[in-house]
C-alpha atoms as a PDB file:
ATOM      1  CA  UNK A   1     -87.956  -8.893 120.288  1.00  0.00           C
ATOM      2  CA  UNK A   2     -87.268  -9.716 116.657  1.00  0.00           C
ATOM      3  CA  UNK A   3     -84.961  -6.705 116.408  1.00  0.00           C
ATOM      4  CA  UNK A   4     -83.051  -7.767 119.555  1.00  0.00           C
ATOM      5  CA  UNK A   5     -82.600 -11.319 118.184  1.00  0.00           C
ATOM      6  CA  UNK A   6     -81.377  -9.902 114.858  1.00  0.00           C
ATOM      7  CA  UNK A   7     -78.874  -7.630 116.671  1.00  0.00           C
ATOM      8  CA  UNK A   8     -77.544 -10.597 118.688  1.00  0.00           C
ATOM      9  CA  UNK A   9     -77.279 -12.738 115.543  1.00  0.00           C
ATOM     10  CA  UNK A  10     -75.463  -9.925 113.682  1.00  0.00           C
ATOM     11  CA  UNK A  11     -73.020  -9.368 116.601  1.00  0.00           C
ATOM     12  CA  UNK A  12     -72.329 -13.105 116.899  1.00  0.00           C
ATOM     13  CA  UNK A  13     -71.873 -13.407 113.135  1.00  0.00           C
ATOM     14  CA  UNK A  14     -69.450 -10.437 113.175  1.00  0.00           C
ATOM     15  CA  UNK A  15     -67.430 -12.047 115.977  1.00  0.00           C
ATOM     16  CA  UNK A  16     -67.213 -15.263 113.963  1.00  0.00           C
ATOM     17  CA  UNK A  17     -65.979 -13.329 110.912  1.00  0.00           C
ATOM     18  CA  UNK A  18     -63.356 -11.463 112.967  1.00  0.00           C
ATOM     19  CA  UNK A  19     -62.150 -14.701 114.577  1.00  0.00           C
ATOM     20  CA  UNK A  20     -61.932 -16.350 111.149  1.00  0.00           C
ATOM     21  CA  UNK A  21     -59.890 -13.429 109.774  1.00  0.00           C
ATOM     22  CA  UNK A  22     -57.538 -13.566 112.779  1.00  0.00           C
ATOM     23  CA  UNK A  23     -57.010 -17.300 112.228  1.00  0.00           C
ATOM     24  CA  UNK A  24     -56.230 -16.672 108.539  1.00  0.00           C
ATOM     25  CA  UNK A  25     -53.733 -13.926 109.393  1.00  0.00           C
ATOM     26  CA  UNK A  26     -52.049 -16.098 112.042  1.00  0.00           C
ATOM     27  CA  UNK A  27     -51.871 -19.041 109.629  1.00  0.00           C
ATOM     28  CA  UNK A  28     -50.339 -16.782 106.999  1.00  0.00           C
ATOM     29  CA  UNK A  29     -47.679 -15.677 109.479  1.00  0.00           C
ATOM     30  CA  UNK A  30     -46.957 -19.231 110.600  1.00  0.00           C
ATOM     31  CA  UNK A  31     -46.882 -20.856 107.189  1.00  0.00           C
ATOM     32  CA  UNK A  32     -45.846 -17.848 105.108  1.00  0.00           C
ATOM     33  CA  UNK A  33     -42.454 -17.970 103.458  1.00  0.00           C
ATOM     34  CA  UNK A  34     -40.195 -14.964 103.683  1.00  0.00           C
ATOM     35  CA  UNK A  35     -38.055 -15.915 100.698  1.00  0.00           C
ATOM     36  CA  UNK A  36     -39.220 -17.394  97.386  1.00  0.00           C
ATOM     37  CA  UNK A  37     -38.272 -20.902  96.263  1.00  0.00           C
ATOM     38  CA  UNK A  38     -35.690 -19.515  93.794  1.00  0.00           C
ATOM     39  CA  UNK A  39     -33.767 -16.262  93.477  1.00  0.00           C
ATOM     40  CA  UNK A  40     -32.015 -15.466  90.172  1.00  0.00           C
ATOM     41  CA  UNK A  41     -32.227 -19.130  89.180  1.00  0.00           C
ATOM     42  CA  UNK A  42     -30.600 -20.394  92.405  1.00  0.00           C
ATOM     43  CA  UNK A  43     -32.618 -22.584  94.754  1.00  0.00           C
ATOM     44  CA  UNK A  44     -32.950 -21.077  98.248  1.00  0.00           C
ATOM     45  CA  UNK A  45     -31.237 -22.955 101.084  1.00  0.00           C
ATOM     46  CA  UNK A  46     -33.794 -23.372 103.885  1.00  0.00           C
ATOM     47  CA  UNK A  47     -31.628 -23.874 106.983  1.00  0.00           C
ATOM     48  CA  UNK A  48     -30.938 -20.858 109.167  1.00  0.00           C
ATOM     49  CA  UNK A  49     -27.306 -19.740 109.014  1.00  0.00           C
ATOM     50  CA  UNK A  50     -25.912 -17.764 111.929  1.00  0.00           C
ATOM     51  CA  UNK A  51     -22.806 -15.690 111.353  1.00  0.00           C
ATOM     52  CA  UNK A  52     -20.388 -15.403 114.258  1.00  0.00           C
ATOM     53  CA  UNK A  53     -17.352 -13.178 114.745  1.00  0.00           C
ATOM     54  CA  UNK A  54     -14.106 -14.987 113.886  1.00  0.00           C
ATOM     55  CA  UNK A  55     -12.564 -14.092 117.240  1.00  0.00           C
ATOM     56  CA  UNK A  56     -15.326 -15.926 119.125  1.00  0.00           C
ATOM     57  CA  UNK A  57     -14.035 -18.365 121.769  1.00  0.00           C
ATOM     58  CA  UNK A  58     -16.728 -20.956 121.061  1.00  0.00           C
ATOM     59  CA  UNK A  59     -15.977 -23.973 118.872  1.00  0.00           C
ATOM     60  CA  UNK A  60     -16.992 -22.850 115.410  1.00  0.00           C
ATOM     61  CA  UNK A  61     -19.898 -24.760 113.853  1.00  0.00           C
ATOM     62  CA  UNK A  62     -21.222 -21.819 111.866  1.00  0.00           C
ATOM     63  CA  UNK A  63     -19.398 -19.611 109.370  1.00  0.00           C
ATOM     64  CA  UNK A  64     -17.153 -17.010 110.977  1.00  0.00           C
ATOM     65  CA  UNK A  65     -16.143 -13.652 109.530  1.00  0.00           C
ATOM     66  CA  UNK A  66     -13.562 -11.029 110.427  1.00  0.00           C
ATOM     67  CA  UNK A  67     -13.273  -7.581 108.894  1.00  0.00           C
ATOM     68  CA  UNK A  68     -10.016  -5.770 108.267  1.00  0.00           C
ATOM     69  CA  UNK A  69      -9.376  -2.049 108.635  1.00  0.00           C
ATOM     70  CA  UNK A  70     -11.801  -0.030 106.509  1.00  0.00           C
ATOM     71  CA  UNK A  71     -10.212   2.476 104.121  1.00  0.00           C
ATOM     72  CA  UNK A  72     -11.793   5.429 102.338  1.00  0.00           C
ATOM     73  CA  UNK A  73     -12.243   4.670  98.640  1.00  0.00           C
ATOM     74  CA  UNK A  74     -13.991   7.834  97.471  1.00  0.00           C
ATOM     75  CA  UNK A  75     -15.464  11.032  98.921  1.00  0.00           C
ATOM     76  CA  UNK A  76     -18.185  12.816  96.954  1.00  0.00           C
ATOM     77  CA  UNK A  77     -20.953  15.296  97.692  1.00  0.00           C
ATOM     78  CA  UNK A  78     -23.424  12.398  97.683  1.00  0.00           C
ATOM     79  CA  UNK A  79     -21.506  10.396 100.302  1.00  0.00           C
ATOM     80  CA  UNK A  80     -18.435   8.393 101.259  1.00  0.00           C
ATOM     81  CA  UNK A  81     -17.363   4.986  99.916  1.00  0.00           C
ATOM     82  CA  UNK A  82     -15.321   2.626 102.076  1.00  0.00           C
ATOM     83  CA  UNK A  83     -13.474  -0.570 101.206  1.00  0.00           C
ATOM     84  CA  UNK A  84     -13.488  -3.314 103.826  1.00  0.00           C
ATOM     85  CA  UNK A  85     -11.361  -6.461 103.416  1.00  0.00           C
ATOM     86  CA  UNK A  86     -13.094  -9.598 104.698  1.00  0.00           C
ATOM     87  CA  UNK A  87     -11.922 -13.034 105.734  1.00  0.00           C
ATOM     88  CA  UNK A  88     -14.204 -15.954 106.534  1.00  0.00           C
ATOM     89  CA  UNK A  89     -14.108 -19.605 107.524  1.00  0.00           C
ATOM     90  CA  UNK A  90     -16.792 -22.197 106.797  1.00  0.00           C
ATOM     91  CA  UNK A  91     -16.203 -25.125 109.184  1.00  0.00           C
ATOM     92  CA  UNK A  92     -18.695 -27.553 107.655  1.00  0.00           C
ATOM     93  CA  UNK A  93     -18.863 -26.563 103.996  1.00  0.00           C
ATOM     94  CA  UNK A  94     -16.850 -26.113 100.808  1.00  0.00           C
ATOM     95  CA  UNK A  95     -17.840 -24.695  97.465  1.00  0.00           C
ATOM     96  CA  UNK A  96     -17.602 -21.915  94.910  1.00  0.00           C
ATOM     97  CA  UNK A  97     -19.241 -18.522  95.427  1.00  0.00           C
ATOM     98  CA  UNK A  98     -20.475 -16.841  92.237  1.00  0.00           C
ATOM     99  CA  UNK A  99     -21.568 -13.528  93.789  1.00  0.00           C
ATOM    100  CA  UNK A 100     -22.850 -11.988  97.025  1.00  0.00           C
ATOM    101  CA  UNK A 101     -25.611  -9.449  97.656  1.00  0.00           C
ATOM    102  CA  UNK A 102     -26.224  -7.663 100.943  1.00  0.00           C
ATOM    103  CA  UNK A 103     -29.607  -6.211 101.874  1.00  0.00           C
ATOM    104  CA  UNK A 104     -30.774  -3.866 104.637  1.00  0.00           C
ATOM    105  CA  UNK A 105     -27.297  -3.501 106.146  1.00  0.00           C
ATOM    106  CA  UNK A 106     -27.295  -1.247 109.195  1.00  0.00           C
ATOM    107  CA  UNK A 107     -24.462  -0.112 111.428  1.00  0.00           C
ATOM    108  CA  UNK A 108     -25.824   0.969 114.828  1.00  0.00           C
ATOM    109  CA  UNK A 109     -29.226   1.336 113.178  1.00  0.00           C
ATOM    110  CA  UNK A 110     -27.923   3.605 110.377  1.00  0.00           C
ATOM    111  CA  UNK A 111     -28.614   2.154 106.898  1.00  0.00           C
ATOM    112  CA  UNK A 112     -25.684   1.833 104.492  1.00  0.00           C
ATOM    113  CA  UNK A 113     -25.501   0.591 100.896  1.00  0.00           C
ATOM    114  CA  UNK A 114     -23.225  -2.259  99.826  1.00  0.00           C
ATOM    115  CA  UNK A 115     -22.289  -2.955  96.217  1.00  0.00           C
ATOM    116  CA  UNK A 116     -23.034  -6.418  94.909  1.00  0.00           C
ATOM    117  CA  UNK A 117     -19.846  -8.475  95.194  1.00  0.00           C
ATOM    118  CA  UNK A 118     -19.286  -9.984  91.718  1.00  0.00           C
ATOM    119  CA  UNK A 119     -15.849 -11.645  92.039  1.00  0.00           C
ATOM    120  CA  UNK A 120     -16.187 -15.454  92.204  1.00  0.00           C
ATOM    121  CA  UNK A 121     -13.977 -17.407  94.594  1.00  0.00           C
ATOM    122  CA  UNK A 122     -13.689 -20.899  96.036  1.00  0.00           C
ATOM    123  CA  UNK A 123     -13.421 -21.987  99.637  1.00  0.00           C
ATOM    124  CA  UNK A 124     -12.690 -25.229 101.459  1.00  0.00           C
ATOM    125  CA  UNK A 125     -13.952 -26.674 104.694  1.00  0.00           C
ATOM    126  CA  UNK A 126     -12.140 -25.281 107.790  1.00  0.00           C
ATOM    127  CA  UNK A 127      -9.823 -23.022 105.746  1.00  0.00           C
ATOM    128  CA  UNK A 128      -9.739 -19.250 106.160  1.00  0.00           C
ATOM    129  CA  UNK A 129     -10.395 -17.415 102.904  1.00  0.00           C
ATOM    130  CA  UNK A 130      -9.689 -13.754 102.214  1.00  0.00           C
ATOM    131  CA  UNK A 131     -12.066 -12.292  99.651  1.00  0.00           C
ATOM    132  CA  UNK A 132     -10.178 -11.463  96.402  1.00  0.00           C
ATOM    133  CA  UNK A 133     -11.148  -7.778  96.653  1.00  0.00           C
ATOM    134  CA  UNK A 134     -12.545  -5.691  99.488  1.00  0.00           C
ATOM    135  CA  UNK A 135     -16.271  -5.099  99.934  1.00  0.00           C
ATOM    136  CA  UNK A 136     -17.399  -1.573  98.928  1.00  0.00           C
ATOM    137  CA  UNK A 137     -19.766   0.179 101.340  1.00  0.00           C
ATOM    138  CA  UNK A 138     -21.400   3.510 100.467  1.00  0.00           C
ATOM    139  CA  UNK A 139     -22.703   5.838 103.175  1.00  0.00           C
ATOM    140  CA  UNK A 140     -24.868   8.736 101.895  1.00  0.00           C
ATOM    141  CA  UNK A 141     -23.978  12.212 103.202  1.00  0.00           C
ATOM    142  CA  UNK A 142     -27.043  12.543 105.496  1.00  0.00           C
ATOM    143  CA  UNK A 143     -26.157   9.165 107.079  1.00  0.00           C
ATOM    144  CA  UNK A 144     -22.517  10.237 107.514  1.00  0.00           C
ATOM    145  CA  UNK A 145     -23.708  13.300 109.436  1.00  0.00           C
ATOM    146  CA  UNK A 146     -26.121  11.176 111.483  1.00  0.00           C
ATOM    147  CA  UNK A 147     -23.348   8.695 112.330  1.00  0.00           C
ATOM    148  CA  UNK A 148     -20.907  11.476 113.253  1.00  0.00           C
ATOM    149  CA  UNK A 149     -23.471  13.122 115.516  1.00  0.00           C
ATOM    150  CA  UNK A 150     -24.296   9.791 117.153  1.00  0.00           C
ATOM    151  CA  UNK A 151     -20.584   9.053 117.701  1.00  0.00           C
ATOM    152  CA  UNK A 152     -19.962  12.500 119.230  1.00  0.00           C
ATOM    153  CA  UNK A 153     -23.032  12.367 121.439  1.00  0.00           C
ATOM    154  CA  UNK A 154     -22.806   8.777 122.695  1.00  0.00           C
ATOM    155  CA  UNK A 155     -19.817   6.804 121.458  1.00  0.00           C
ATOM    156  CA  UNK A 156     -20.123   3.039 121.894  1.00  0.00           C
ATOM    157  CA  UNK A 157     -17.313   0.558 122.483  1.00  0.00           C
ATOM    158  CA  UNK A 158     -18.933  -1.880 120.039  1.00  0.00           C
ATOM    159  CA  UNK A 159     -20.950  -1.323 116.894  1.00  0.00           C
ATOM    160  CA  UNK A 160     -23.904  -3.548 116.051  1.00  0.00           C
ATOM    161  CA  UNK A 161     -24.124  -4.686 112.425  1.00  0.00           C
ATOM    162  CA  UNK A 162     -27.374  -6.163 111.148  1.00  0.00           C
ATOM    163  CA  UNK A 163     -28.624  -7.172 107.713  1.00  0.00           C
ATOM    164  CA  UNK A 164     -29.095 -10.072 105.351  1.00  0.00           C
ATOM    165  CA  UNK A 165     -26.413 -11.536 103.091  1.00  0.00           C
ATOM    166  CA  UNK A 166     -27.395 -13.709 100.123  1.00  0.00           C
ATOM    167  CA  UNK A 167     -24.522 -15.953  98.987  1.00  0.00           C
ATOM    168  CA  UNK A 168     -25.021 -17.346  95.466  1.00  0.00           C
ATOM    169  CA  UNK A 169     -22.913 -20.313  94.412  1.00  0.00           C
ATOM    170  CA  UNK A 170     -22.366 -24.044  94.187  1.00  0.00           C
ATOM    171  CA  UNK A 171     -21.980 -25.811  97.510  1.00  0.00           C
ATOM    172  CA  UNK A 172     -20.773 -29.344  98.144  1.00  0.00           C
ATOM    173  CA  UNK A 173     -23.160 -31.764  99.817  1.00  0.00           C
ATOM    174  CA  UNK A 174     -23.033 -35.575  99.782  1.00  0.00           C
ATOM    175  CA  UNK A 175     -20.117 -35.432  97.324  1.00  0.00           C
ATOM    176  CA  UNK A 176     -21.974 -33.315  94.738  1.00  0.00           C
ATOM    177  CA  UNK A 177     -22.149 -29.583  94.076  1.00  0.00           C
ATOM    178  CA  UNK A 178     -25.597 -27.985  94.286  1.00  0.00           C
ATOM    179  CA  UNK A 179     -26.524 -24.551  92.919  1.00  0.00           C
ATOM    180  CA  UNK A 180     -27.946 -22.642  95.881  1.00  0.00           C
ATOM    181  CA  UNK A 181     -28.458 -19.211  97.357  1.00  0.00           C
ATOM    182  CA  UNK A 182     -27.737 -19.234 101.085  1.00  0.00           C
ATOM    183  CA  UNK A 183     -29.368 -16.502 103.195  1.00  0.00           C
ATOM    184  CA  UNK A 184     -27.237 -15.428 106.149  1.00  0.00           C
ATOM    185  CA  UNK A 185     -28.696 -13.080 108.742  1.00  0.00           C
ATOM    186  CA  UNK A 186     -26.217 -10.755 110.410  1.00  0.00           C
ATOM    187  CA  UNK A 187     -26.458  -9.609 114.006  1.00  0.00           C
ATOM    188  CA  UNK A 188     -22.871  -9.162 115.154  1.00  0.00           C
ATOM    189  CA  UNK A 189     -20.923  -6.756 117.318  1.00  0.00           C
ATOM    190  CA  UNK A 190     -17.548  -5.388 116.215  1.00  0.00           C
ATOM    191  CA  UNK A 191     -15.111  -3.158 118.110  1.00  0.00           C
ATOM    192  CA  UNK A 192     -15.564   0.543 117.368  1.00  0.00           C
ATOM    193  CA  UNK A 193     -12.887   1.305 114.713  1.00  0.00           C
ATOM    194  CA  UNK A 194     -12.854   4.997 115.677  1.00  0.00           C
ATOM    195  CA  UNK A 195     -11.489   4.346 119.170  1.00  0.00           C
END
């Protein structure tokens, strides 16, 4: 009888420990912060920014971007580099961008590398701005082959682009400029440029 009571106590105690651990994990997920307070000395902007295609019919309240025709910059054994001119409009913001980094960029699920964009530029509220130089995208040779095979096997009318853009700069708010890094999550569809 003593052994049975001890087994029940141990099982109950184990269930309590497991439940406590689950609560801690859930609390960590709910209250955990994906980005730190500062990145490279810039304070992180907390509001979610949604990027929309510039040709969207909806009234623009979020930044809109449109990409020009990509051109081949360099072909090497290690991969292919493309240059893509970009234009964007920020309907509710003005400021000065110091530099841009892009992380985990994927085109139809295929990862590509993007060079850090180091040319500063200014933009004004509701005005379209063309970046001073095109964005450079590098696709390693294995990914080029994977993309070519995917395009031959099942070509899509639209390509899905996902990733995270970090925009570092000084942005105007309440009449003052504030040094911030603005995270922008990408999940957009563009027409297939190969068709």
